[in-house]
Amino acid sequence: MDSQHDPRLSGLAVEKALAIAAYGESVAAYRYRTLAEKTTSPPQRLIFQEMADEEQGHHVLIEKQLATHFPGSDFVLTAADKDLVIVGPRMLEVNDERSFAETLRMIYESELRTGRFYAALHSTCKRPDLEPLLKEMADECFEHAERIKAMVPRTGNSS
């Protein structure tokens, strides 16, 4: 959908987009590992560990795609590049229930942002060999967002 396309993606080379995606997956894996360490809920710990492992697997998969399809590509990512897939600081400060809830909200937004990033790449990518991966990654980000949203504590009079 065109409404989901970030204008910053126009003209973005596929290899640079994959480098941005690899960065996002590595940050996601780190964040989920941190949450697994910080949660006091055994069921949440298991979910976060599983999600961290999944994100790490995505990172490795994307790195392999880069090496296979774009050998020798190397990028220094800017803050604007990183902003395409990450909301908030890379490093997490999770010290209490309030900061835990805020971190969940930030990760929820990151998953949505990354899902839109992959969806936009999928719709504009002219590489049939990468299209299934990009669609799968978009779908998984949106699924992760829903899982995280269900964990975010409700505040106020929300319905």
N, C-alpha and C. Protein backbone atom coordinates (compact mmCIF):
# COMPACT_ATOMS: atom_id res chain seq x y z
N MET A 1 0.84 -1.19 0.00
CA MET A 1 0.00 0.00 0.00
C MET A 1 0.88 1.24 0.00
N ASP A 2 0.57 2.17 -0.88
CA ASP A 2 1.39 3.37 -1.00
C ASP A 2 1.38 4.22 0.26
N SER A 3 0.30 4.20 1.02
CA SER A 3 0.23 5.00 2.24
C SER A 3 1.22 4.52 3.28
N GLN A 4 1.69 3.28 3.15
CA GLN A 4 2.64 2.75 4.11
C GLN A 4 4.08 3.07 3.71
N HIS A 5 4.31 3.56 2.52
CA HIS A 5 5.66 3.78 2.04
C HIS A 5 6.27 5.03 2.65
N ASP A 6 7.43 4.85 3.20
CA ASP A 6 8.20 5.97 3.74
C ASP A 6 8.95 6.59 2.57
N PRO A 7 8.82 7.90 2.35
CA PRO A 7 9.51 8.51 1.21
C PRO A 7 11.03 8.33 1.26
N ARG A 8 11.56 8.04 2.45
CA ARG A 8 13.01 7.83 2.56
C ARG A 8 13.44 6.53 1.90
N LEU A 9 12.48 5.66 1.58
CA LEU A 9 12.81 4.41 0.92
C LEU A 9 12.97 4.55 -0.59
N SER A 10 12.48 5.67 -1.15
CA SER A 10 12.60 5.88 -2.58
C SER A 10 14.06 5.91 -2.98
N GLY A 11 14.39 5.08 -3.93
CA GLY A 11 15.76 5.05 -4.42
C GLY A 11 16.75 4.33 -3.53
N LEU A 12 16.29 3.74 -2.44
CA LEU A 12 17.17 3.02 -1.54
C LEU A 12 17.58 1.70 -2.20
N ALA A 13 18.86 1.48 -2.37
CA ALA A 13 19.36 0.26 -2.97
C ALA A 13 19.00 -0.94 -2.10
N VAL A 14 18.68 -2.04 -2.75
CA VAL A 14 18.26 -3.24 -2.02
C VAL A 14 19.34 -3.66 -1.03
N GLU A 15 20.60 -3.60 -1.44
CA GLU A 15 21.67 -4.03 -0.55
C GLU A 15 21.77 -3.14 0.69
N LYS A 16 21.53 -1.85 0.54
CA LYS A 16 21.55 -0.99 1.71
C LYS A 16 20.32 -1.26 2.58
N ALA A 17 19.18 -1.50 1.95
CA ALA A 17 17.97 -1.84 2.71
C ALA A 17 18.19 -3.10 3.53
N LEU A 18 18.87 -4.09 2.95
CA LEU A 18 19.15 -5.31 3.69
C LEU A 18 20.12 -5.05 4.84
N ALA A 19 21.07 -4.15 4.64
CA ALA A 19 21.99 -3.79 5.74
C ALA A 19 21.22 -3.12 6.87
N ILE A 20 20.26 -2.27 6.52
CA ILE A 20 19.42 -1.62 7.53
C ILE A 20 18.58 -2.68 8.25
N ALA A 21 18.03 -3.62 7.48
CA ALA A 21 17.23 -4.69 8.07
C ALA A 21 18.07 -5.53 9.02
N ALA A 22 19.29 -5.86 8.64
CA ALA A 22 20.17 -6.66 9.51
C ALA A 22 20.43 -5.93 10.82
N TYR A 23 20.65 -4.62 10.73
CA TYR A 23 20.83 -3.82 11.94
C TYR A 23 19.58 -3.91 12.83
N GLY A 24 18.43 -3.71 12.23
CA GLY A 24 17.18 -3.76 12.99
C GLY A 24 16.96 -5.10 13.66
N GLU A 25 17.29 -6.17 12.98
CA GLU A 25 17.12 -7.50 13.56
C GLU A 25 18.09 -7.72 14.73
N SER A 26 19.30 -7.21 14.60
CA SER A 26 20.26 -7.38 15.71
C SER A 26 19.83 -6.58 16.93
N VAL A 27 19.29 -5.39 16.71
CA VAL A 27 18.79 -4.59 17.83
C VAL A 27 17.59 -5.27 18.47
N ALA A 28 16.70 -5.79 17.64
CA ALA A 28 15.52 -6.49 18.18
C ALA A 28 15.94 -7.69 19.03
N ALA A 29 16.90 -8.46 18.55
CA ALA A 29 17.37 -9.61 19.32
C ALA A 29 17.92 -9.17 20.67
N TYR A 30 18.74 -8.12 20.67
CA TYR A 30 19.29 -7.59 21.92
C TYR A 30 18.17 -7.15 22.86
N ARG A 31 17.20 -6.42 22.33
CA ARG A 31 16.13 -5.89 23.17
C ARG A 31 15.31 -7.02 23.79
N TYR A 32 14.98 -8.04 23.00
CA TYR A 32 14.22 -9.15 23.56
C TYR A 32 15.02 -9.93 24.59
N ARG A 33 16.32 -10.06 24.40
CA ARG A 33 17.16 -10.72 25.41
C ARG A 33 17.16 -9.90 26.71
N THR A 34 17.25 -8.59 26.57
CA THR A 34 17.21 -7.73 27.75
C THR A 34 15.89 -7.90 28.49
N LEU A 35 14.78 -7.90 27.77
CA LEU A 35 13.48 -8.07 28.41
C LEU A 35 13.37 -9.44 29.07
N ALA A 36 13.93 -10.46 28.44
CA ALA A 36 13.91 -11.80 29.04
C ALA A 36 14.65 -11.80 30.38
N GLU A 37 15.72 -11.03 30.46
CA GLU A 37 16.49 -10.94 31.70
C GLU A 37 15.76 -10.11 32.77
N LYS A 38 14.99 -9.14 32.34
CA LYS A 38 14.38 -8.19 33.28
C LYS A 38 12.99 -8.57 33.76
N THR A 39 12.28 -9.39 33.00
CA THR A 39 10.91 -9.72 33.40
C THR A 39 10.91 -10.64 34.62
N THR A 40 9.87 -10.49 35.42
CA THR A 40 9.68 -11.38 36.57
C THR A 40 8.66 -12.47 36.25
N SER A 41 8.15 -12.45 35.03
CA SER A 41 7.14 -13.42 34.62
C SER A 41 7.79 -14.55 33.82
N PRO A 42 7.75 -15.78 34.34
CA PRO A 42 8.32 -16.91 33.57
C PRO A 42 7.71 -17.08 32.17
N PRO A 43 6.38 -16.94 32.01
CA PRO A 43 5.84 -17.06 30.65
C PRO A 43 6.38 -15.97 29.70
N GLN A 44 6.46 -14.72 30.21
CA GLN A 44 7.02 -13.66 29.38
C GLN A 44 8.49 -13.93 29.07
N ARG A 45 9.23 -14.42 30.06
CA ARG A 45 10.64 -14.72 29.84
C ARG A 45 10.80 -15.67 28.66
N LEU A 46 10.00 -16.71 28.64
CA LEU A 46 10.06 -17.68 27.56
C LEU A 46 9.72 -17.04 26.21
N ILE A 47 8.68 -16.23 26.18
CA ILE A 47 8.28 -15.53 24.95
C ILE A 47 9.42 -14.64 24.46
N PHE A 48 10.00 -13.85 25.36
CA PHE A 48 11.08 -12.95 24.97
C PHE A 48 12.31 -13.71 24.50
N GLN A 49 12.62 -14.83 25.15
CA GLN A 49 13.77 -15.64 24.71
C GLN A 49 13.52 -16.20 23.31
N GLU A 50 12.32 -16.69 23.08
CA GLU A 50 11.97 -17.22 21.76
C GLU A 50 12.05 -16.13 20.70
N MET A 51 11.53 -14.94 21.02
CA MET A 51 11.56 -13.85 20.06
C MET A 51 13.00 -13.39 19.81
N ALA A 52 13.82 -13.37 20.84
CA ALA A 52 15.23 -13.01 20.66
C ALA A 52 15.93 -14.00 19.74
N ASP A 53 15.68 -15.28 19.95
CA ASP A 53 16.28 -16.30 19.08
C ASP A 53 15.80 -16.15 17.64
N GLU A 54 14.51 -15.87 17.48
CA GLU A 54 13.96 -15.68 16.14
C GLU A 54 14.60 -14.48 15.45
N GLU A 55 14.72 -13.37 16.19
CA GLU A 55 15.33 -12.16 15.61
C GLU A 55 16.80 -12.40 15.27
N GLN A 56 17.50 -13.13 16.12
CA GLN A 56 18.90 -13.45 15.82
C GLN A 56 18.98 -14.30 14.56
N GLY A 57 18.06 -15.23 14.41
CA GLY A 57 18.01 -16.04 13.19
C GLY A 57 17.74 -15.18 11.96
N HIS A 58 16.87 -14.19 12.10
CA HIS A 58 16.60 -13.28 10.99
C HIS A 58 17.86 -12.50 10.63
N HIS A 59 18.57 -12.04 11.66
CA HIS A 59 19.81 -11.29 11.42
C HIS A 59 20.79 -12.13 10.60
N VAL A 60 20.98 -13.38 11.00
CA VAL A 60 21.90 -14.27 10.30
C VAL A 60 21.41 -14.52 8.87
N LEU A 61 20.12 -14.74 8.70
CA LEU A 61 19.55 -14.98 7.38
C LEU A 61 19.78 -13.78 6.45
N ILE A 62 19.54 -12.59 6.96
CA ILE A 62 19.72 -11.39 6.14
C ILE A 62 21.20 -11.19 5.81
N GLU A 63 22.06 -11.43 6.77
CA GLU A 63 23.50 -11.33 6.50
C GLU A 63 23.91 -12.31 5.40
N LYS A 64 23.35 -13.52 5.42
CA LYS A 64 23.64 -14.51 4.37
C LYS A 64 23.12 -14.02 3.01
N GLN A 65 21.94 -13.40 3.01
CA GLN A 65 21.40 -12.87 1.75
C GLN A 65 22.32 -11.77 1.20
N LEU A 66 22.80 -10.93 2.09
CA LEU A 66 23.74 -9.89 1.66
C LEU A 66 25.00 -10.50 1.07
N ALA A 67 25.55 -11.49 1.74
CA ALA A 67 26.79 -12.12 1.27
C ALA A 67 26.57 -12.85 -0.05
N THR A 68 25.41 -13.47 -0.22
CA THR A 68 25.11 -14.23 -1.44
C THR A 68 24.83 -13.31 -2.62
N HIS A 69 23.96 -12.34 -2.42
CA HIS A 69 23.49 -11.51 -3.53
C HIS A 69 24.30 -10.24 -3.75
N PHE A 70 24.96 -9.79 -2.70
CA PHE A 70 25.70 -8.53 -2.78
C PHE A 70 27.06 -8.65 -2.10
N PRO A 71 27.89 -9.59 -2.56
CA PRO A 71 29.19 -9.76 -1.90
C PRO A 71 30.01 -8.48 -1.99
N GLY A 72 30.68 -8.18 -0.92
CA GLY A 72 31.52 -6.98 -0.89
C GLY A 72 30.78 -5.71 -0.52
N SER A 73 29.45 -5.78 -0.39
CA SER A 73 28.73 -4.57 0.00
C SER A 73 29.03 -4.27 1.46
N ASP A 74 29.17 -3.01 1.75
CA ASP A 74 29.50 -2.59 3.11
C ASP A 74 28.94 -1.18 3.29
N PHE A 75 28.26 -0.97 4.39
CA PHE A 75 27.61 0.32 4.61
C PHE A 75 27.87 0.81 6.02
N VAL A 76 28.02 2.11 6.12
CA VAL A 76 28.00 2.79 7.41
C VAL A 76 26.60 3.39 7.49
N LEU A 77 25.82 2.91 8.44
CA LEU A 77 24.44 3.36 8.54
C LEU A 77 24.36 4.65 9.34
N THR A 78 23.57 5.58 8.84
CA THR A 78 23.35 6.84 9.51
C THR A 78 22.23 6.70 10.53
N ALA A 79 22.07 7.70 11.37
CA ALA A 79 20.96 7.71 12.32
C ALA A 79 19.63 7.66 11.56
N ALA A 80 19.55 8.35 10.42
CA ALA A 80 18.32 8.34 9.62
C ALA A 80 18.04 6.94 9.07
N ASP A 81 19.10 6.22 8.67
CA ASP A 81 18.93 4.85 8.20
C ASP A 81 18.36 3.98 9.31
N LYS A 82 18.95 4.08 10.48
CA LYS A 82 18.54 3.27 11.63
C LYS A 82 17.12 3.60 12.06
N ASP A 83 16.74 4.86 11.89
CA ASP A 83 15.41 5.32 12.26
C ASP A 83 14.32 4.68 11.39
N LEU A 84 14.69 4.12 10.26
CA LEU A 84 13.71 3.44 9.41
C LEU A 84 13.16 2.18 10.06
N VAL A 85 13.92 1.60 11.02
CA VAL A 85 13.51 0.33 11.61
C VAL A 85 13.48 0.32 13.13
N ILE A 86 13.98 1.34 13.78
CA ILE A 86 14.07 1.33 15.24
C ILE A 86 13.43 2.59 15.81
N VAL A 87 12.66 2.41 16.87
CA VAL A 87 12.10 3.53 17.63
C VAL A 87 12.85 3.58 18.96
N GLY A 88 13.33 4.76 19.31
CA GLY A 88 13.99 4.94 20.59
C GLY A 88 15.45 4.51 20.57
N PRO A 89 16.07 4.60 21.73
CA PRO A 89 17.49 4.26 21.81
C PRO A 89 17.72 2.76 21.67
N ARG A 90 18.87 2.40 21.15
CA ARG A 90 19.22 0.99 21.00
C ARG A 90 19.33 0.31 22.36
N MET A 91 20.02 0.97 23.28
CA MET A 91 20.24 0.42 24.62
C MET A 91 18.99 0.66 25.47
N LEU A 92 18.65 -0.31 26.28
CA LEU A 92 17.44 -0.22 27.10
C LEU A 92 17.79 0.03 28.56
N GLU A 93 16.97 0.84 29.19
CA GLU A 93 17.03 1.05 30.64
C GLU A 93 15.72 0.51 31.20
N VAL A 94 15.78 -0.69 31.73
CA VAL A 94 14.58 -1.33 32.27
C VAL A 94 14.85 -1.60 33.75
N ASN A 95 14.33 -0.71 34.59
CA ASN A 95 14.63 -0.79 36.02
C ASN A 95 13.42 -1.04 36.90
N ASP A 96 12.23 -0.80 36.38
CA ASP A 96 11.02 -0.95 37.19
C ASP A 96 9.84 -1.21 36.26
N GLU A 97 8.65 -1.37 36.85
CA GLU A 97 7.47 -1.68 36.04
C GLU A 97 7.16 -0.60 35.02
N ARG A 98 7.32 0.67 35.40
CA ARG A 98 7.03 1.77 34.49
C ARG A 98 7.97 1.74 33.29
N SER A 99 9.27 1.58 33.53
CA SER A 99 10.22 1.56 32.42
C SER A 99 10.04 0.29 31.58
N PHE A 100 9.63 -0.80 32.21
CA PHE A 100 9.34 -2.03 31.47
C PHE A 100 8.18 -1.78 30.51
N ALA A 101 7.12 -1.15 31.00
CA ALA A 101 5.95 -0.86 30.15
C ALA A 101 6.33 0.10 29.02
N GLU A 102 7.12 1.12 29.32
CA GLU A 102 7.56 2.05 28.28
C GLU A 102 8.42 1.35 27.23
N THR A 103 9.26 0.44 27.67
CA THR A 103 10.08 -0.33 26.74
C THR A 103 9.21 -1.19 25.84
N LEU A 104 8.19 -1.82 26.40
CA LEU A 104 7.27 -2.61 25.58
C LEU A 104 6.60 -1.74 24.53
N ARG A 105 6.19 -0.54 24.90
CA ARG A 105 5.55 0.38 23.94
C ARG A 105 6.53 0.75 22.82
N MET A 106 7.77 1.01 23.19
CA MET A 106 8.80 1.37 22.22
C MET A 106 9.06 0.20 21.26
N ILE A 107 9.13 -1.00 21.80
CA ILE A 107 9.38 -2.17 20.97
C ILE A 107 8.18 -2.45 20.06
N TYR A 108 6.98 -2.24 20.59
CA TYR A 108 5.78 -2.37 19.76
C TYR A 108 5.86 -1.44 18.55
N GLU A 109 6.20 -0.18 18.80
CA GLU A 109 6.33 0.79 17.71
C GLU A 109 7.45 0.41 16.74
N SER A 110 8.55 -0.12 17.26
CA SER A 110 9.64 -0.57 16.40
C SER A 110 9.21 -1.72 15.51
N GLU A 111 8.46 -2.66 16.06
CA GLU A 111 7.98 -3.79 15.26
C GLU A 111 7.05 -3.30 14.14
N LEU A 112 6.18 -2.35 14.46
CA LEU A 112 5.31 -1.80 13.41
C LEU A 112 6.13 -1.08 12.34
N ARG A 113 7.08 -0.28 12.78
CA ARG A 113 7.92 0.47 11.84
C ARG A 113 8.70 -0.49 10.94
N THR A 114 9.28 -1.52 11.55
CA THR A 114 10.06 -2.47 10.77
C THR A 114 9.15 -3.27 9.83
N GLY A 115 7.96 -3.62 10.29
CA GLY A 115 7.01 -4.31 9.42
C GLY A 115 6.65 -3.47 8.20
N ARG A 116 6.43 -2.18 8.42
CA ARG A 116 6.13 -1.28 7.28
C ARG A 116 7.34 -1.17 6.35
N PHE A 117 8.54 -1.15 6.93
CA PHE A 117 9.77 -1.10 6.14
C PHE A 117 9.84 -2.33 5.22
N TYR A 118 9.67 -3.52 5.79
CA TYR A 118 9.71 -4.74 4.98
C TYR A 118 8.58 -4.78 3.96
N ALA A 119 7.39 -4.35 4.34
CA ALA A 119 6.25 -4.36 3.41
C ALA A 119 6.53 -3.43 2.23
N ALA A 120 7.09 -2.26 2.50
CA ALA A 120 7.42 -1.33 1.42
C ALA A 120 8.49 -1.92 0.51
N LEU A 121 9.50 -2.54 1.11
CA LEU A 121 10.54 -3.17 0.29
C LEU A 121 9.95 -4.29 -0.56
N HIS A 122 9.07 -5.08 0.05
CA HIS A 122 8.45 -6.18 -0.69
C HIS A 122 7.69 -5.65 -1.90
N SER A 123 6.97 -4.56 -1.73
CA SER A 123 6.15 -4.06 -2.83
C SER A 123 6.96 -3.34 -3.91
N THR A 124 8.17 -2.93 -3.57
CA THR A 124 8.99 -2.21 -4.57
C THR A 124 10.18 -3.02 -5.07
N CYS A 125 10.48 -4.11 -4.40
CA CYS A 125 11.64 -4.92 -4.76
C CYS A 125 11.44 -5.58 -6.12
N LYS A 126 12.43 -5.50 -6.93
CA LYS A 126 12.37 -6.12 -8.26
C LYS A 126 13.20 -7.40 -8.29
N ARG A 127 13.34 -8.02 -7.09
CA ARG A 127 14.14 -9.24 -6.98
C ARG A 127 13.24 -10.39 -6.54
N PRO A 128 12.77 -11.20 -7.48
CA PRO A 128 11.90 -12.32 -7.12
C PRO A 128 12.53 -13.26 -6.09
N ASP A 129 13.84 -13.33 -6.06
CA ASP A 129 14.52 -14.21 -5.11
C ASP A 129 14.44 -13.68 -3.68
N LEU A 130 14.18 -12.39 -3.51
CA LEU A 130 14.10 -11.79 -2.17
C LEU A 130 12.67 -11.49 -1.73
N GLU A 131 11.74 -11.42 -2.68
CA GLU A 131 10.36 -11.04 -2.35
C GLU A 131 9.72 -11.92 -1.27
N PRO A 132 9.85 -13.25 -1.33
CA PRO A 132 9.22 -14.07 -0.28
C PRO A 132 9.80 -13.77 1.11
N LEU A 133 11.10 -13.57 1.19
CA LEU A 133 11.73 -13.24 2.46
C LEU A 133 11.19 -11.93 3.01
N LEU A 134 11.09 -10.92 2.17
CA LEU A 134 10.62 -9.61 2.62
C LEU A 134 9.17 -9.68 3.09
N LYS A 135 8.33 -10.44 2.38
CA LYS A 135 6.94 -10.58 2.82
C LYS A 135 6.87 -11.31 4.15
N GLU A 136 7.62 -12.39 4.29
CA GLU A 136 7.64 -13.15 5.53
C GLU A 136 8.11 -12.27 6.70
N MET A 137 9.14 -11.47 6.46
CA MET A 137 9.67 -10.60 7.52
C MET A 137 8.63 -9.56 7.93
N ALA A 138 7.93 -8.98 6.96
CA ALA A 138 6.89 -8.00 7.27
C ALA A 138 5.79 -8.65 8.12
N ASP A 139 5.33 -9.81 7.69
CA ASP A 139 4.27 -10.51 8.42
C ASP A 139 4.71 -10.82 9.85
N GLU A 140 5.95 -11.28 10.02
CA GLU A 140 6.43 -11.62 11.36
C GLU A 140 6.55 -10.39 12.25
N CYS A 141 6.94 -9.26 11.68
CA CYS A 141 7.01 -8.04 12.49
C CYS A 141 5.62 -7.65 13.00
N PHE A 142 4.62 -7.72 12.12
CA PHE A 142 3.27 -7.36 12.54
C PHE A 142 2.74 -8.34 13.58
N GLU A 143 3.11 -9.62 13.44
CA GLU A 143 2.71 -10.62 14.44
C GLU A 143 3.40 -10.33 15.78
N HIS A 144 4.68 -9.98 15.74
CA HIS A 144 5.40 -9.63 16.97
C HIS A 144 4.76 -8.40 17.62
N ALA A 145 4.39 -7.43 16.81
CA ALA A 145 3.76 -6.22 17.35
C ALA A 145 2.50 -6.57 18.12
N GLU A 146 1.69 -7.46 17.57
CA GLU A 146 0.46 -7.86 18.26
C GLU A 146 0.76 -8.60 19.56
N ARG A 147 1.79 -9.45 19.55
CA ARG A 147 2.16 -10.16 20.78
C ARG A 147 2.62 -9.17 21.85
N ILE A 148 3.41 -8.19 21.44
CA ILE A 148 3.90 -7.19 22.40
C ILE A 148 2.75 -6.32 22.89
N LYS A 149 1.88 -5.90 21.98
CA LYS A 149 0.74 -5.06 22.36
C LYS A 149 -0.09 -5.72 23.44
N ALA A 150 -0.26 -7.02 23.35
CA ALA A 150 -1.03 -7.75 24.36
C ALA A 150 -0.36 -7.73 25.74
N MET A 151 0.94 -7.47 25.79
CA MET A 151 1.67 -7.45 27.05
C MET A 151 1.75 -6.06 27.68
N VAL A 152 1.46 -5.02 26.89
CA VAL A 152 1.59 -3.66 27.40
C VAL A 152 0.48 -3.41 28.41
N PRO A 153 0.86 -3.01 29.63
CA PRO A 153 -0.17 -2.74 30.65
C PRO A 153 -1.08 -1.60 30.22
N ARG A 154 -2.34 -1.76 30.48
CA ARG A 154 -3.33 -0.71 30.18
C ARG A 154 -3.31 0.32 31.31
N THR A 155 -3.42 1.58 30.93
CA THR A 155 -3.46 2.64 31.95
C THR A 155 -4.68 3.50 31.73
N GLY A 156 -5.12 4.17 32.74
CA GLY A 156 -6.23 5.09 32.65
C GLY A 156 -7.54 4.37 32.39
N ASN A 157 -8.44 5.07 31.70
CA ASN A 157 -9.78 4.54 31.43
C ASN A 157 -9.89 3.98 30.02
N SER A 158 -8.82 3.43 29.50
CA SER A 158 -8.89 2.89 28.15
C SER A 158 -9.80 1.67 28.11
N SER A 159 -10.44 1.47 26.96
CA SER A 159 -11.34 0.34 26.83
C SER A 159 -10.75 -0.77 26.02
